[in-house]
Amino acid sequence: MFVFTVLTTHTILFAQSWTNTNGPKRKYPSLGLAISKSGSTQKIWVANDGEQLRYSSNAGTSWNTANFLGAPVQVACQKNNPNIVLGVRWLAYIHRTVNGGSTWPDDVTPQFAPNGNVVQTLEISSGDTSLAFIGYEKVSDGSAANFFRSTNNGERFDPNYYFRDEVRTYINAILPYPQSGSYQNYVWVGGSQDDIVEPPKTDDEESVTIKSKGIWRSTDGGLYWQRQSINGSGLSSSNSNISALALSIKATSTHLLAAIKGTSAAKIYYSSNLGTSWDMSSNDMGSGIEIGQF
């Protein structure tokens, strides 16, 4: 797998040098990373599968172990409040702390969450910090919602039946707008017909229900949704599995980026109007690579 970092709309560079710290040590994948800062206080959270949930208060120089309830697989935090954190442990149980990880009294697992399904993505909005979102890896039979929304800092998550009944997509990426202001209630979801991380292993599993591909946008904090059309050059019906979303914000422009895992190549598309129209970047990532969150 190649690792890449998006620095601007059109520039994609391979990661350069990294410094090893005394953080998570076991040879398990780090499945979640979150950063929060309030004034001079910053915390970096790492969910390392097979270990405890860890955090650093000194930019990663040293690490502490949070008093979490089990092996973590995902983590999200309120970007401007290091004390509010959501952690996901194995079998998709979601817990919440409001004291920086000292205790986790709240089990906020959605009531109608799919049994046994892994949380694929977990996000707390920076634009409107009361909003939080959960996307589950897959729901094969459509009997449960796979996208959930909270309007109270993650205290309770309610299902969004639009994604269960109408879209029926595998949710690979959730991107809330990262700043307050005019677009703070904008949210995007990237989905695929096939699970990008682990494709269905049998024909029966894939054919249980039809899954949709593409990008969906909400302008009201995730209450109502509209599918976004990607009409850039070279996009075909087999090339529209969205695996990751990101925003590049500059003083004079904002670009929404979408990573698309196609059957023959991976592509980067960009939108200068928050998803209304799209163009394909000249940077074709080629074939044979995997794209995850970026």
Protein backbone atom coordinates (compact mmCIF):
# COMPACT_ATOMS: atom_id res chain seq x y z
CA MET A 1 0.00 0.00 0.00
CA PHE A 2 1.28 3.48 -0.87
CA VAL A 3 0.87 6.24 1.69
CA PHE A 4 0.24 9.75 0.43
CA THR A 5 -0.55 13.14 1.83
CA VAL A 6 -2.76 15.74 0.15
CA LEU A 7 -1.11 19.14 0.63
CA THR A 8 -2.96 21.23 -1.95
CA THR A 9 -5.66 20.59 -4.48
CA HIS A 10 -3.26 19.24 -7.10
CA THR A 11 -0.12 18.20 -5.25
CA ILE A 12 0.23 14.66 -3.92
CA LEU A 13 3.48 13.73 -2.19
CA PHE A 14 4.76 10.56 -0.61
CA ALA A 15 5.36 10.74 3.13
CA GLN A 16 8.92 11.67 4.02
CA SER A 17 10.67 11.07 7.34
CA TRP A 18 8.86 10.07 10.53
CA THR A 19 10.00 9.99 14.15
CA ASN A 20 9.08 6.98 16.27
CA THR A 21 7.75 7.86 19.72
CA ASN A 22 6.88 5.77 22.76
CA GLY A 23 3.27 5.55 21.73
CA PRO A 24 1.39 2.38 20.73
CA LYS A 25 3.98 -0.38 20.46
CA ARG A 26 2.26 -3.59 19.45
CA LYS A 27 2.18 -4.72 15.86
CA TYR A 28 -1.48 -3.95 15.39
CA PRO A 29 -2.99 -1.41 13.01
CA SER A 30 -3.82 2.07 14.25
CA LEU A 31 -7.43 2.38 13.15
CA GLY A 32 -8.29 5.82 14.49
CA LEU A 33 -6.52 9.15 14.95
CA ALA A 34 -8.05 12.36 16.34
CA ILE A 35 -6.65 15.74 17.43
CA SER A 36 -8.21 18.37 19.68
CA LYS A 37 -6.92 21.75 20.85
CA SER A 38 -8.23 24.44 23.18
CA GLY A 39 -5.86 27.33 23.78
CA SER A 40 -2.49 25.84 24.68
CA THR A 41 -3.99 22.43 25.53
CA GLN A 42 -3.77 19.82 22.79
CA LYS A 43 -4.50 16.11 22.79
CA ILE A 44 -3.76 13.53 20.11
CA TRP A 45 -5.76 10.30 20.36
CA VAL A 46 -4.80 6.97 18.80
CA ALA A 47 -7.05 3.90 18.68
CA ASN A 48 -4.67 0.99 18.26
CA ASP A 49 -6.38 -2.34 17.63
CA GLY A 50 -5.34 -4.87 20.28
CA GLU A 51 -4.09 -2.22 22.73
CA GLN A 52 -5.58 0.45 24.96
CA LEU A 53 -6.75 3.84 23.78
CA ARG A 54 -3.81 6.25 24.08
CA TYR A 55 -3.43 10.01 24.06
CA SER A 56 -0.59 12.51 23.98
CA SER A 57 -0.65 15.99 25.49
CA ASN A 58 2.75 17.05 24.13
CA ALA A 59 2.43 16.66 20.35
CA GLY A 60 3.24 12.95 20.39
CA THR A 61 6.49 13.07 22.39
CA SER A 62 5.03 10.84 25.12
CA TRP A 63 1.79 8.93 25.51
CA ASN A 64 -0.70 8.08 28.23
CA THR A 65 -3.22 5.27 28.45
CA ALA A 66 -6.87 6.27 28.80
CA ASN A 67 -9.10 4.32 31.15
CA PHE A 68 -11.04 2.87 28.21
CA LEU A 69 -13.34 -0.16 28.42
CA GLY A 70 -11.84 -2.45 25.80
CA ALA A 71 -9.75 -2.77 22.66
CA PRO A 72 -10.36 0.44 20.65
CA VAL A 73 -11.02 0.45 16.93
CA GLN A 74 -12.03 4.09 16.33
CA VAL A 75 -11.79 7.43 18.09
CA ALA A 76 -13.13 10.96 17.51
CA CYS A 77 -12.93 14.11 19.60
CA GLN A 78 -14.47 17.53 19.68
CA LYS A 79 -11.87 19.60 17.86
CA ASN A 80 -11.96 22.54 20.27
CA ASN A 81 -12.62 20.64 23.50
CA PRO A 82 -10.05 17.92 24.39
CA ASN A 83 -12.34 16.61 27.13
CA ILE A 84 -15.14 15.34 24.86
CA VAL A 85 -14.12 12.10 23.13
CA LEU A 86 -15.99 9.22 21.49
CA GLY A 87 -14.30 5.83 21.47
CA VAL A 88 -15.38 2.65 19.70
CA ARG A 89 -14.44 -0.74 21.06
CA TRP A 90 -14.68 -4.15 19.45
CA LEU A 91 -18.14 -5.21 18.23
CA ALA A 92 -19.04 -1.56 17.69
CA TYR A 93 -19.83 -0.47 21.24
CA ILE A 94 -19.43 3.32 21.44
CA HIS A 95 -18.52 5.13 24.66
CA ARG A 96 -18.23 8.80 25.52
CA THR A 97 -16.11 10.76 27.96
CA VAL A 98 -16.43 14.41 28.96
CA ASN A 99 -13.36 14.50 31.22
CA GLY A 100 -10.57 13.78 28.79
CA GLY A 101 -10.66 10.00 29.11
CA SER A 102 -10.53 9.59 32.90
CA THR A 103 -13.92 7.86 32.91
CA TRP A 104 -16.28 6.68 30.17
CA PRO A 105 -19.71 6.61 31.83
CA ASP A 106 -21.85 6.92 28.72
CA ASP A 107 -22.60 3.99 26.43
CA VAL A 108 -23.91 5.85 23.37
CA THR A 109 -24.19 2.87 21.01
CA PRO A 110 -27.19 3.59 18.74
CA GLN A 111 -30.29 1.59 19.60
CA PHE A 112 -30.85 0.48 16.00
CA ALA A 113 -27.21 -0.14 15.10
CA PRO A 114 -26.52 -3.26 13.03
CA ASN A 115 -25.49 -6.12 15.30
CA GLY A 116 -21.84 -7.11 15.04
CA ASN A 117 -20.92 -4.57 12.36
CA VAL A 118 -17.76 -2.53 12.71
CA VAL A 119 -17.86 1.26 12.79
CA GLN A 120 -16.21 2.36 9.56
CA THR A 121 -16.05 6.09 10.29
CA LEU A 122 -16.83 8.29 13.30
CA GLU A 123 -16.78 12.09 13.13
CA ILE A 124 -17.56 15.07 15.35
CA SER A 125 -18.20 18.29 13.45
CA SER A 126 -15.87 21.24 13.99
CA GLY A 127 -18.25 23.74 12.42
CA ASP A 128 -21.14 22.86 14.72
CA THR A 129 -19.65 20.90 17.62
CA SER A 130 -23.05 19.61 18.73
CA LEU A 131 -23.14 17.39 15.61
CA ALA A 132 -21.58 13.93 15.45
CA PHE A 133 -21.94 11.10 12.90
CA ILE A 134 -21.39 7.34 12.72
CA GLY A 135 -21.10 5.22 9.60
CA TYR A 136 -21.11 1.43 9.92
CA GLU A 137 -19.08 -0.83 7.67
CA LYS A 138 -21.97 -2.61 5.99
CA VAL A 139 -25.59 -3.56 6.39
CA SER A 140 -26.19 -6.42 3.98
CA ASP A 141 -29.91 -6.99 4.43
CA GLY A 142 -31.08 -3.39 4.85
CA SER A 143 -32.87 -4.18 8.12
CA ALA A 144 -30.91 -1.58 10.10
CA ALA A 145 -29.61 1.88 9.39
CA ASN A 146 -25.87 2.22 8.78
CA PHE A 147 -25.67 6.01 9.23
CA PHE A 148 -26.44 7.77 12.53
CA ARG A 149 -26.53 11.39 13.63
CA SER A 150 -26.24 13.12 16.99
CA THR A 151 -27.26 16.70 17.72
CA ASN A 152 -26.12 16.76 21.37
CA ASN A 153 -22.36 16.21 21.39
CA GLY A 154 -22.67 12.45 20.94
CA GLU A 155 -24.95 11.81 23.92
CA ARG A 156 -27.48 10.05 21.68
CA PHE A 157 -27.35 8.90 18.04
CA ASP A 158 -30.45 8.59 15.88
CA PRO A 159 -30.65 6.61 12.63
CA ASN A 160 -30.97 8.31 9.25
CA TYR A 161 -33.35 6.10 7.28
CA TYR A 162 -32.62 7.88 4.01
CA PHE A 163 -29.35 5.95 3.80
CA ARG A 164 -31.03 2.68 4.74
CA ASP A 165 -34.13 2.92 2.56
CA GLU A 166 -33.04 5.06 -0.39
CA VAL A 167 -29.25 5.06 -0.77
CA ARG A 168 -28.24 1.70 0.72
CA THR A 169 -24.58 2.47 0.34
CA TYR A 170 -21.50 1.28 2.18
CA ILE A 171 -20.37 4.39 4.06
CA ASN A 172 -16.61 4.79 3.67
CA ALA A 173 -16.18 8.47 4.59
CA ILE A 174 -18.04 11.18 6.52
CA LEU A 175 -16.76 14.74 6.20
CA PRO A 176 -18.34 17.56 8.25
CA TYR A 177 -17.25 21.09 7.32
CA PRO A 178 -14.27 21.84 9.59
CA GLN A 179 -14.93 25.52 10.38
CA SER A 180 -17.72 27.61 11.85
CA GLY A 181 -19.52 30.17 9.71
CA SER A 182 -21.61 30.05 6.55
CA TYR A 183 -20.99 26.37 5.75
CA GLN A 184 -20.73 24.93 9.25
CA ASN A 185 -23.74 22.66 8.71
CA TYR A 186 -22.44 21.15 5.47
CA VAL A 187 -21.72 17.42 5.64
CA TRP A 188 -20.62 14.97 2.92
CA VAL A 189 -20.82 11.19 2.79
CA GLY A 190 -18.78 9.05 0.41
CA GLY A 191 -20.13 5.61 -0.40
CA SER A 192 -19.51 2.59 -2.56
CA GLN A 193 -21.32 -0.38 -3.98
CA ASP A 194 -18.64 -2.66 -2.57
CA ASP A 195 -16.94 -2.39 0.77
CA ILE A 196 -13.58 -0.76 -0.05
CA VAL A 197 -11.80 -2.22 2.93
CA GLU A 198 -12.95 -5.82 2.68
CA PRO A 199 -14.93 -6.80 -0.44
CA PRO A 200 -17.77 -9.33 -0.04
CA LYS A 201 -16.37 -12.85 -0.01
CA THR A 202 -19.37 -14.59 -1.60
CA ASP A 203 -21.78 -13.82 -4.41
CA ASP A 204 -24.70 -14.13 -1.98
CA GLU A 205 -23.30 -11.48 0.33
CA GLU A 206 -22.92 -9.01 -2.54
CA SER A 207 -26.33 -9.64 -4.06
CA VAL A 208 -28.45 -9.36 -0.93
CA THR A 209 -29.29 -5.77 -1.78
CA ILE A 210 -28.25 -3.20 -4.36
CA LYS A 211 -25.71 -0.72 -3.02
CA SER A 212 -25.31 2.81 -4.37
CA LYS A 213 -22.05 4.62 -5.14
CA GLY A 214 -21.18 8.28 -5.01
CA ILE A 215 -21.22 11.38 -2.81
CA TRP A 216 -24.13 12.81 -0.84
CA ARG A 217 -24.31 16.31 0.64
CA SER A 218 -26.34 17.80 3.45
CA THR A 219 -26.56 21.54 4.06
CA ASP A 220 -28.51 21.31 7.32
CA GLY A 221 -26.25 19.22 9.53
CA GLY A 222 -27.24 15.81 8.20
CA LEU A 223 -31.03 16.02 8.39
CA TYR A 224 -31.73 16.02 4.64
CA TRP A 225 -29.46 14.79 1.85
CA GLN A 226 -28.95 15.21 -1.87
CA ARG A 227 -26.79 13.08 -4.13
CA GLN A 228 -23.97 14.98 -5.86
CA SER A 229 -23.21 14.35 -9.52
CA ILE A 230 -19.59 13.77 -10.48
CA ASN A 231 -19.30 14.57 -14.18
CA GLY A 232 -15.56 14.90 -14.62
CA SER A 233 -13.66 13.46 -17.56
CA GLY A 234 -13.01 9.74 -17.45
CA LEU A 235 -15.57 8.81 -14.80
CA SER A 236 -17.66 5.74 -15.56
CA SER A 237 -20.21 3.75 -13.63
CA SER A 238 -17.49 1.30 -12.58
CA ASN A 239 -15.25 4.12 -11.39
CA SER A 240 -17.40 5.88 -8.82
CA ASN A 241 -16.70 4.07 -5.55
CA ILE A 242 -15.83 6.88 -3.14
CA SER A 243 -13.31 5.79 -0.54
CA ALA A 244 -12.21 9.09 1.06
CA LEU A 245 -13.11 12.78 1.27
CA ALA A 246 -11.11 15.86 2.32
CA LEU A 247 -11.23 19.66 2.18
CA SER A 248 -8.45 22.00 1.07
CA ILE A 249 -9.23 25.46 2.49
CA LYS A 250 -7.22 28.51 1.44
CA ALA A 251 -7.72 32.23 1.93
CA THR A 252 -9.17 32.65 -1.56
CA SER A 253 -10.57 29.22 -2.42
CA THR A 254 -11.98 26.00 -1.01
CA HIS A 255 -11.73 22.66 -2.77
CA LEU A 256 -13.53 19.46 -1.87
CA LEU A 257 -11.47 16.38 -2.74
CA ALA A 258 -12.76 12.87 -3.41
CA ALA A 259 -10.69 9.73 -3.78
CA ILE A 260 -12.32 7.26 -6.15
CA LYS A 261 -11.29 3.62 -6.25
CA GLY A 262 -12.06 2.38 -9.74
CA THR A 263 -11.69 -1.01 -11.36
CA SER A 264 -8.56 -0.02 -13.28
CA ALA A 265 -7.16 3.05 -11.48
CA ALA A 266 -7.57 5.31 -8.48
CA LYS A 267 -8.50 8.91 -9.22
CA ILE A 268 -8.75 12.20 -7.36
CA TYR A 269 -11.67 14.52 -8.19
CA TYR A 270 -12.05 18.06 -6.89
CA SER A 271 -14.89 20.54 -6.58
CA SER A 272 -14.51 24.29 -6.16
CA ASN A 273 -18.17 24.79 -5.21
CA LEU A 274 -18.52 22.35 -2.29
CA GLY A 275 -19.67 19.43 -4.40
CA THR A 276 -22.08 20.93 -6.94
CA SER A 277 -19.76 20.18 -9.87
CA TRP A 278 -16.52 18.24 -10.18
CA ASP A 279 -13.34 17.96 -12.23
CA MET A 280 -10.74 15.23 -12.35
CA SER A 281 -7.27 16.06 -11.08
CA SER A 282 -4.39 15.49 -13.47
CA ASN A 283 -2.85 13.26 -10.81
CA ASP A 284 -3.94 9.74 -11.79
CA MET A 285 -2.89 7.46 -8.95
CA GLY A 286 -2.51 4.46 -11.26
CA SER A 287 -3.68 0.91 -10.66
CA GLY A 288 -2.98 -1.53 -7.89
CA ILE A 289 -3.10 0.88 -4.92
CA GLU A 290 -5.49 1.23 -2.04
CA ILE A 291 -6.87 4.56 -0.88
CA GLY A 292 -8.07 5.12 2.64
CA GLN A 293 -8.92 8.21 4.65
CA PHE A 294 -6.72 11.22 3.90
